[in-house]
PDB file of N, CA and C in Angstrom:
ATOM      1  N   MET A   1     -99.353  73.790 -33.955  1.00  0.00           N
ATOM      2  CA  MET A   1     -99.663  72.404 -34.230  1.00  0.00           C
ATOM      3  C   MET A   1     -98.360  71.659 -34.523  1.00  0.00           C
ATOM      4  N   PRO A   2     -98.054  70.570 -33.809  1.00  0.00           N
ATOM      5  CA  PRO A   2     -96.800  69.848 -34.027  1.00  0.00           C
ATOM      6  C   PRO A   2     -96.790  69.129 -35.367  1.00  0.00           C
ATOM      7  N   LEU A   3     -95.576  68.893 -35.846  1.00  0.00           N
ATOM      8  CA  LEU A   3     -95.434  68.154 -37.093  1.00  0.00           C
ATOM      9  C   LEU A   3     -95.869  66.711 -36.911  1.00  0.00           C
ATOM     10  N   ASP A   4     -96.276  66.106 -37.996  1.00  0.00           N
ATOM     11  CA  ASP A   4     -96.674  64.700 -37.986  1.00  0.00           C
ATOM     12  C   ASP A   4     -95.479  63.847 -37.564  1.00  0.00           C
ATOM     13  N   GLN A   5     -95.653  62.988 -36.571  1.00  0.00           N
ATOM     14  CA  GLN A   5     -94.568  62.147 -36.089  1.00  0.00           C
ATOM     15  C   GLN A   5     -94.139  61.130 -37.136  1.00  0.00           C
ATOM     16  N   GLY A   6     -95.032  60.804 -38.073  1.00  0.00           N
ATOM     17  CA  GLY A   6     -94.697  59.856 -39.125  1.00  0.00           C
ATOM     18  C   GLY A   6     -93.833  60.474 -40.205  1.00  0.00           C
ATOM     19  N   ALA A   7     -93.773  61.818 -40.258  1.00  0.00           N
ATOM     20  CA  ALA A   7     -92.965  62.490 -41.273  1.00  0.00           C
ATOM     21  C   ALA A   7     -91.485  62.302 -40.944  1.00  0.00           C
ATOM     22  N   HIS A   8     -90.693  62.103 -41.968  1.00  0.00           N
ATOM     23  CA  HIS A   8     -89.258  61.866 -41.773  1.00  0.00           C
ATOM     24  C   HIS A   8     -88.488  62.919 -42.552  1.00  0.00           C
ATOM     25  N   ASP A   9     -87.559  63.583 -41.884  1.00  0.00           N
ATOM     26  CA  ASP A   9     -86.698  64.556 -42.550  1.00  0.00           C
ATOM     27  C   ASP A   9     -85.652  63.787 -43.353  1.00  0.00           C
ATOM     28  N   PRO A  10     -85.631  63.885 -44.685  1.00  0.00           N
ATOM     29  CA  PRO A  10     -84.698  63.075 -45.483  1.00  0.00           C
ATOM     30  C   PRO A  10     -83.233  63.463 -45.318  1.00  0.00           C
ATOM     31  N   THR A  11     -82.942  64.594 -44.671  1.00  0.00           N
ATOM     32  CA  THR A  11     -81.544  64.986 -44.483  1.00  0.00           C
ATOM     33  C   THR A  11     -80.961  64.465 -43.172  1.00  0.00           C
ATOM     34  N   LYS A  12     -81.784  63.941 -42.291  1.00  0.00           N
ATOM     35  CA  LYS A  12     -81.313  63.406 -41.006  1.00  0.00           C
ATOM     36  C   LYS A  12     -80.965  61.925 -41.158  1.00  0.00           C
ATOM     37  N   PRO A  13     -79.906  61.476 -40.526  1.00  0.00           N
ATOM     38  CA  PRO A  13     -79.548  60.046 -40.635  1.00  0.00           C
ATOM     39  C   PRO A  13     -80.519  59.164 -39.862  1.00  0.00           C
ATOM     40  N   ARG A  14     -80.763  57.986 -40.416  1.00  0.00           N
ATOM     41  CA  ARG A  14     -81.542  56.956 -39.731  1.00  0.00           C
ATOM     42  C   ARG A  14     -80.577  55.839 -39.356  1.00  0.00           C
ATOM     43  N   TYR A  15     -80.660  55.390 -38.108  1.00  0.00           N
ATOM     44  CA  TYR A  15     -79.779  54.343 -37.610  1.00  0.00           C
ATOM     45  C   TYR A  15     -80.601  53.077 -37.387  1.00  0.00           C
ATOM     46  N   THR A  16     -80.088  51.946 -37.839  1.00  0.00           N
ATOM     47  CA  THR A  16     -80.742  50.682 -37.531  1.00  0.00           C
ATOM     48  C   THR A  16     -80.303  50.247 -36.134  1.00  0.00           C
ATOM     49  N   ARG A  17     -80.946  49.234 -35.617  1.00  0.00           N
ATOM     50  CA  ARG A  17     -80.556  48.709 -34.306  1.00  0.00           C
ATOM     51  C   ARG A  17     -79.216  47.993 -34.425  1.00  0.00           C
ATOM     52  N   TRP A  18     -78.504  47.925 -33.307  1.00  0.00           N
ATOM     53  CA  TRP A  18     -77.254  47.171 -33.271  1.00  0.00           C
ATOM     54  C   TRP A  18     -77.594  45.689 -33.369  1.00  0.00           C
ATOM     55  N   ARG A  19     -76.888  44.967 -34.237  1.00  0.00           N
ATOM     56  CA  ARG A  19     -77.062  43.523 -34.389  1.00  0.00           C
ATOM     57  C   ARG A  19     -75.736  42.833 -34.059  1.00  0.00           C
ATOM     58  N   LYS A  20     -75.823  41.727 -33.349  1.00  0.00           N
ATOM     59  CA  LYS A  20     -74.625  40.975 -33.004  1.00  0.00           C
ATOM     60  C   LYS A  20     -74.250  40.105 -34.196  1.00  0.00           C
ATOM     61  N   VAL A  21     -73.018  40.243 -34.680  1.00  0.00           N
ATOM     62  CA  VAL A  21     -72.522  39.469 -35.819  1.00  0.00           C
ATOM     63  C   VAL A  21     -71.130  38.940 -35.485  1.00  0.00           C
ATOM     64  N   PHE A  22     -70.718  37.935 -36.239  1.00  0.00           N
ATOM     65  CA  PHE A  22     -69.374  37.395 -36.062  1.00  0.00           C
ATOM     66  C   PHE A  22     -68.481  37.962 -37.152  1.00  0.00           C
ATOM     67  N   ALA A  23     -67.343  38.516 -36.787  1.00  0.00           N
ATOM     68  CA  ALA A  23     -66.416  39.132 -37.742  1.00  0.00           C
ATOM     69  C   ALA A  23     -65.477  38.064 -38.291  1.00  0.00           C
ATOM     70  N   TRP A  24     -65.815  37.510 -39.441  1.00  0.00           N
ATOM     71  CA  TRP A  24     -64.949  36.531 -40.100  1.00  0.00           C
ATOM     72  C   TRP A  24     -63.748  37.213 -40.738  1.00  0.00           C
ATOM     73  N   LYS A  25     -63.981  38.412 -41.274  1.00  0.00           N
ATOM     74  CA  LYS A  25     -62.914  39.201 -41.894  1.00  0.00           C
ATOM     75  C   LYS A  25     -62.570  40.360 -40.963  1.00  0.00           C
ATOM     76  N   PRO A  26     -61.383  40.930 -41.083  1.00  0.00           N
ATOM     77  CA  PRO A  26     -61.036  42.092 -40.242  1.00  0.00           C
ATOM     78  C   PRO A  26     -62.023  43.244 -40.458  1.00  0.00           C
ATOM     79  N   ARG A  27     -62.512  43.804 -39.358  1.00  0.00           N
ATOM     80  CA  ARG A  27     -63.442  44.928 -39.392  1.00  0.00           C
ATOM     81  C   ARG A  27     -62.910  46.032 -38.503  1.00  0.00           C
ATOM     82  N   LYS A  28     -63.038  47.267 -38.971  1.00  0.00           N
ATOM     83  CA  LYS A  28     -62.588  48.418 -38.197  1.00  0.00           C
ATOM     84  C   LYS A  28     -63.746  48.924 -37.347  1.00  0.00           C
ATOM     85  N   LEU A  29     -63.532  49.024 -36.044  1.00  0.00           N
ATOM     86  CA  LEU A  29     -64.562  49.463 -35.115  1.00  0.00           C
ATOM     87  C   LEU A  29     -64.644  50.980 -35.084  1.00  0.00           C
ATOM     88  N   THR A  30     -65.695  51.500 -34.452  1.00  0.00           N
ATOM     89  CA  THR A  30     -65.865  52.948 -34.347  1.00  0.00           C
ATOM     90  C   THR A  30     -64.755  53.596 -33.525  1.00  0.00           C
ATOM     91  N   ASN A  31     -64.103  52.831 -32.639  1.00  0.00           N
ATOM     92  CA  ASN A  31     -63.010  53.390 -31.842  1.00  0.00           C
ATOM     93  C   ASN A  31     -61.666  53.305 -32.561  1.00  0.00           C
ATOM     94  N   GLY A  32     -61.639  52.779 -33.795  1.00  0.00           N
ATOM     95  CA  GLY A  32     -60.425  52.741 -34.581  1.00  0.00           C
ATOM     96  C   GLY A  32     -59.682  51.418 -34.555  1.00  0.00           C
ATOM     97  N   LYS A  33     -60.028  50.523 -33.646  1.00  0.00           N
ATOM     98  CA  LYS A  33     -59.366  49.221 -33.572  1.00  0.00           C
ATOM     99  C   LYS A  33     -59.871  48.304 -34.679  1.00  0.00           C
ATOM    100  N   THR A  34     -59.015  47.394 -35.123  1.00  0.00           N
ATOM    101  CA  THR A  34     -59.396  46.390 -36.094  1.00  0.00           C
ATOM    102  C   THR A  34     -59.463  45.045 -35.383  1.00  0.00           C
ATOM    103  N   VAL A  35     -60.604  44.351 -35.544  1.00  0.00           N
ATOM    104  CA  VAL A  35     -60.793  43.051 -34.897  1.00  0.00           C
ATOM    105  C   VAL A  35     -61.301  42.049 -35.914  1.00  0.00           C
ATOM    106  N   TRP A  36     -61.104  40.771 -35.598  1.00  0.00           N
ATOM    107  CA  TRP A  36     -61.662  39.711 -36.420  1.00  0.00           C
ATOM    108  C   TRP A  36     -61.707  38.430 -35.613  1.00  0.00           C
ATOM    109  N   LEU A  37     -62.491  37.467 -36.076  1.00  0.00           N
ATOM    110  CA  LEU A  37     -62.721  36.188 -35.410  1.00  0.00           C
ATOM    111  C   LEU A  37     -63.264  36.358 -33.988  1.00  0.00           C
ATOM    112  N   LYS A  38     -64.217  37.276 -33.843  1.00  0.00           N
ATOM    113  CA  LYS A  38     -64.911  37.458 -32.567  1.00  0.00           C
ATOM    114  C   LYS A  38     -66.264  38.107 -32.837  1.00  0.00           C
ATOM    115  N   PHE A  39     -67.140  38.099 -31.850  1.00  0.00           N
ATOM    116  CA  PHE A  39     -68.449  38.716 -32.001  1.00  0.00           C
ATOM    117  C   PHE A  39     -68.339  40.221 -31.806  1.00  0.00           C
ATOM    118  N   ILE A  40     -68.968  40.967 -32.708  1.00  0.00           N
ATOM    119  CA  ILE A  40     -69.026  42.432 -32.630  1.00  0.00           C
ATOM    120  C   ILE A  40     -70.460  42.853 -32.938  1.00  0.00           C
ATOM    121  N   TYR A  41     -70.717  44.144 -32.897  1.00  0.00           N
ATOM    122  CA  TYR A  41     -72.045  44.673 -33.183  1.00  0.00           C
ATOM    123  C   TYR A  41     -71.984  45.529 -34.437  1.00  0.00           C
ATOM    124  N   LYS A  42     -73.073  45.479 -35.223  1.00  0.00           N
ATOM    125  CA  LYS A  42     -73.127  46.154 -36.523  1.00  0.00           C
ATOM    126  C   LYS A  42     -74.431  46.923 -36.626  1.00  0.00           C
ATOM    127  N   ARG A  43     -74.380  48.117 -37.234  1.00  0.00           N
ATOM    128  CA  ARG A  43     -75.592  48.868 -37.561  1.00  0.00           C
ATOM    129  C   ARG A  43     -75.365  49.632 -38.851  1.00  0.00           C
ATOM    130  N   ASP A  44     -76.447  50.016 -39.491  1.00  0.00           N
ATOM    131  CA  ASP A  44     -76.386  50.756 -40.743  1.00  0.00           C
ATOM    132  C   ASP A  44     -76.858  52.182 -40.513  1.00  0.00           C
ATOM    133  N   ILE A  45     -76.259  53.106 -41.267  1.00  0.00           N
ATOM    134  CA  ILE A  45     -76.657  54.514 -41.256  1.00  0.00           C
ATOM    135  C   ILE A  45     -77.151  54.839 -42.654  1.00  0.00           C
ATOM    136  N   ILE A  46     -78.363  55.385 -42.744  1.00  0.00           N
ATOM    137  CA  ILE A  46     -78.960  55.698 -44.041  1.00  0.00           C
ATOM    138  C   ILE A  46     -79.418  57.147 -44.035  1.00  0.00           C
ATOM    139  N   ILE A  47     -79.016  57.890 -45.063  1.00  0.00           N
ATOM    140  CA  ILE A  47     -79.514  59.250 -45.284  1.00  0.00           C
ATOM    141  C   ILE A  47     -80.186  59.221 -46.652  1.00  0.00           C
ATOM    142  N   ASP A  48     -81.479  59.552 -46.692  1.00  0.00           N
ATOM    143  CA  ASP A  48     -82.240  59.430 -47.925  1.00  0.00           C
ATOM    144  C   ASP A  48     -81.911  60.501 -48.959  1.00  0.00           C
ATOM    145  N   TRP A  49     -81.423  61.652 -48.529  1.00  0.00           N
ATOM    146  CA  TRP A  49     -81.167  62.745 -49.459  1.00  0.00           C
ATOM    147  C   TRP A  49     -79.761  63.278 -49.244  1.00  0.00           C
ATOM    148  N   MET A  50     -79.082  63.565 -50.331  1.00  0.00           N
ATOM    149  CA  MET A  50     -77.741  64.135 -50.252  1.00  0.00           C
ATOM    150  C   MET A  50     -77.767  65.536 -50.869  1.00  0.00           C
ATOM    151  N   PRO A  51     -76.858  66.421 -50.484  1.00  0.00           N
ATOM    152  CA  PRO A  51     -76.800  67.750 -51.089  1.00  0.00           C
ATOM    153  C   PRO A  51     -76.552  67.647 -52.599  1.00  0.00           C
ATOM    154  N   PRO A  52     -76.909  68.675 -53.345  1.00  0.00           N
ATOM    155  CA  PRO A  52     -76.760  68.626 -54.806  1.00  0.00           C
ATOM    156  C   PRO A  52     -75.324  68.418 -55.288  1.00  0.00           C
ATOM    157  N   ALA A  53     -74.319  68.711 -54.468  1.00  0.00           N
ATOM    158  CA  ALA A  53     -72.937  68.509 -54.898  1.00  0.00           C
ATOM    159  C   ALA A  53     -72.620  67.020 -55.075  1.00  0.00           C
ATOM    160  N   PHE A  54     -73.400  66.172 -54.438  1.00  0.00           N
ATOM    161  CA  PHE A  54     -73.215  64.734 -54.531  1.00  0.00           C
ATOM    162  C   PHE A  54     -74.253  64.149 -55.481  1.00  0.00           C
ATOM    163  N   PRO A  55     -74.053  62.941 -55.948  1.00  0.00           N
ATOM    164  CA  PRO A  55     -75.098  62.323 -56.769  1.00  0.00           C
ATOM    165  C   PRO A  55     -76.392  62.191 -55.973  1.00  0.00           C
ATOM    166  N   ALA A  56     -77.509  62.304 -56.643  1.00  0.00           N
ATOM    167  CA  ALA A  56     -78.814  62.244 -55.975  1.00  0.00           C
ATOM    168  C   ALA A  56     -79.173  60.790 -55.680  1.00  0.00           C
ATOM    169  N   LYS A  57     -78.582  60.264 -54.637  1.00  0.00           N
ATOM    170  CA  LYS A  57     -78.901  58.909 -54.212  1.00  0.00           C
ATOM    171  C   LYS A  57     -78.750  58.821 -52.711  1.00  0.00           C
ATOM    172  N   ARG A  58     -79.111  57.691 -52.159  1.00  0.00           N
ATOM    173  CA  ARG A  58     -79.024  57.491 -50.722  1.00  0.00           C
ATOM    174  C   ARG A  58     -77.572  57.320 -50.282  1.00  0.00           C
ATOM    175  N   TYR A  59     -77.302  57.772 -49.083  1.00  0.00           N
ATOM    176  CA  TYR A  59     -76.009  57.544 -48.440  1.00  0.00           C
ATOM    177  C   TYR A  59     -76.194  56.352 -47.527  1.00  0.00           C
ATOM    178  N   PHE A  60     -75.341  55.355 -47.651  1.00  0.00           N
ATOM    179  CA  PHE A  60     -75.462  54.135 -46.866  1.00  0.00           C
ATOM    180  C   PHE A  60     -74.088  53.794 -46.309  1.00  0.00           C
ATOM    181  N   ASN A  61     -74.007  53.627 -44.997  1.00  0.00           N
ATOM    182  CA  ASN A  61     -72.742  53.314 -44.354  1.00  0.00           C
ATOM    183  C   ASN A  61     -72.995  52.284 -43.254  1.00  0.00           C
ATOM    184  N   THR A  62     -72.001  51.462 -42.968  1.00  0.00           N
ATOM    185  CA  THR A  62     -72.107  50.452 -41.918  1.00  0.00           C
ATOM    186  C   THR A  62     -71.081  50.749 -40.838  1.00  0.00           C
ATOM    187  N   GLN A  63     -71.524  50.697 -39.585  1.00  0.00           N
ATOM    188  CA  GLN A  63     -70.638  50.895 -38.448  1.00  0.00           C
ATOM    189  C   GLN A  63     -70.503  49.587 -37.692  1.00  0.00           C
ATOM    190  N   TYR A  64     -69.311  49.345 -37.157  1.00  0.00           N
ATOM    191  CA  TYR A  64     -69.049  48.186 -36.312  1.00  0.00           C
ATOM    192  C   TYR A  64     -68.542  48.682 -34.971  1.00  0.00           C
ATOM    193  N   ALA A  65     -68.959  48.011 -33.896  1.00  0.00           N
ATOM    194  CA  ALA A  65     -68.530  48.408 -32.551  1.00  0.00           C
ATOM    195  C   ALA A  65     -68.474  47.184 -31.648  1.00  0.00           C
ATOM    196  N   ASP A  66     -67.727  47.311 -30.555  1.00  0.00           N
ATOM    197  CA  ASP A  66     -67.725  46.251 -29.559  1.00  0.00           C
ATOM    198  C   ASP A  66     -68.812  46.554 -28.532  1.00  0.00           C
ATOM    199  N   ILE A  67     -69.002  45.643 -27.604  1.00  0.00           N
ATOM    200  CA  ILE A  67     -70.082  45.786 -26.625  1.00  0.00           C
ATOM    201  C   ILE A  67     -69.913  47.032 -25.766  1.00  0.00           C
ATOM    202  N   ASN A  68     -68.684  47.425 -25.474  1.00  0.00           N
ATOM    203  CA  ASN A  68     -68.448  48.617 -24.649  1.00  0.00           C
ATOM    204  C   ASN A  68     -68.948  49.880 -25.338  1.00  0.00           C
ATOM    205  N   ALA A  69     -68.732  50.001 -26.632  1.00  0.00           N
ATOM    206  CA  ALA A  69     -69.200  51.182 -27.366  1.00  0.00           C
ATOM    207  C   ALA A  69     -70.715  51.221 -27.438  1.00  0.00           C
ATOM    208  N   VAL A  70     -71.343  50.064 -27.603  1.00  0.00           N
ATOM    209  CA  VAL A  70     -72.811  50.009 -27.667  1.00  0.00           C
ATOM    210  C   VAL A  70     -73.411  50.432 -26.325  1.00  0.00           C
ATOM    211  N   ILE A  71     -72.871  49.917 -25.232  1.00  0.00           N
ATOM    212  CA  ILE A  71     -73.374  50.278 -23.901  1.00  0.00           C
ATOM    213  C   ILE A  71     -73.140  51.760 -23.625  1.00  0.00           C
ATOM    214  N   ARG A  72     -71.968  52.274 -23.972  1.00  0.00           N
ATOM    215  CA  ARG A  72     -71.660  53.690 -23.757  1.00  0.00           C
ATOM    216  C   ARG A  72     -72.652  54.577 -24.520  1.00  0.00           C
ATOM    217  N   GLU A  73     -72.985  54.184 -25.745  1.00  0.00           N
ATOM    218  CA  GLU A  73     -73.941  54.977 -26.529  1.00  0.00           C
ATOM    219  C   GLU A  73     -75.346  54.926 -25.931  1.00  0.00           C
ATOM    220  N   LYS A  74     -75.774  53.735 -25.501  1.00  0.00           N
ATOM    221  CA  LYS A  74     -77.108  53.590 -24.899  1.00  0.00           C
ATOM    222  C   LYS A  74     -77.220  54.423 -23.632  1.00  0.00           C
ATOM    223  N   LEU A  75     -76.208  54.410 -22.785  1.00  0.00           N
ATOM    224  CA  LEU A  75     -76.237  55.207 -21.563  1.00  0.00           C
ATOM    225  C   LEU A  75     -76.193  56.695 -21.868  1.00  0.00           C
ATOM    226  N   GLY A  76     -75.452  57.078 -22.903  1.00  0.00           N
ATOM    227  CA  GLY A  76     -75.382  58.486 -23.287  1.00  0.00           C
ATOM    228  C   GLY A  76     -76.719  59.003 -23.793  1.00  0.00           C
ATOM    229  N   GLN A  77     -77.495  58.155 -24.471  1.00  0.00           N
ATOM    230  CA  GLN A  77     -78.809  58.564 -24.964  1.00  0.00           C
ATOM    231  C   GLN A  77     -79.792  58.740 -23.817  1.00  0.00           C
ATOM    232  N   LYS A  78     -79.685  57.924 -22.770  1.00  0.00           N
ATOM    233  CA  LYS A  78     -80.598  58.019 -21.638  1.00  0.00           C
ATOM    234  C   LYS A  78     -80.335  59.273 -20.808  1.00  0.00           C
ATOM    235  N   ASN A  79     -79.085  59.764 -20.806  1.00  0.00           N
ATOM    236  CA  ASN A  79     -78.731  60.929 -20.010  1.00  0.00           C
ATOM    237  C   ASN A  79     -79.138  62.238 -20.666  1.00  0.00           C
ATOM    238  N   ARG A  80     -79.554  62.201 -21.916  1.00  0.00           N
ATOM    239  CA  ARG A  80     -79.939  63.444 -22.601  1.00  0.00           C
ATOM    240  C   ARG A  80     -81.309  63.900 -22.225  1.00  0.00           C
TER     241      ARG A  80
END
């Protein structure tokens, strides 16, 4: 019997959708470049549970990318 699709493994990261935002301040992209005063894409990474060595709270991180990185990731997911 398969696991309930609504069940979420708290140790796996959850990614929000990419959102188009304007970088007013310098932001470091996933490829290592720093950009500002242009449109970039932003998403959040959330892990609900951390190992006991860390404080027992959520892990929250924000990633920034340009359009090329977003397209490359989308195409990579379709090829799997």
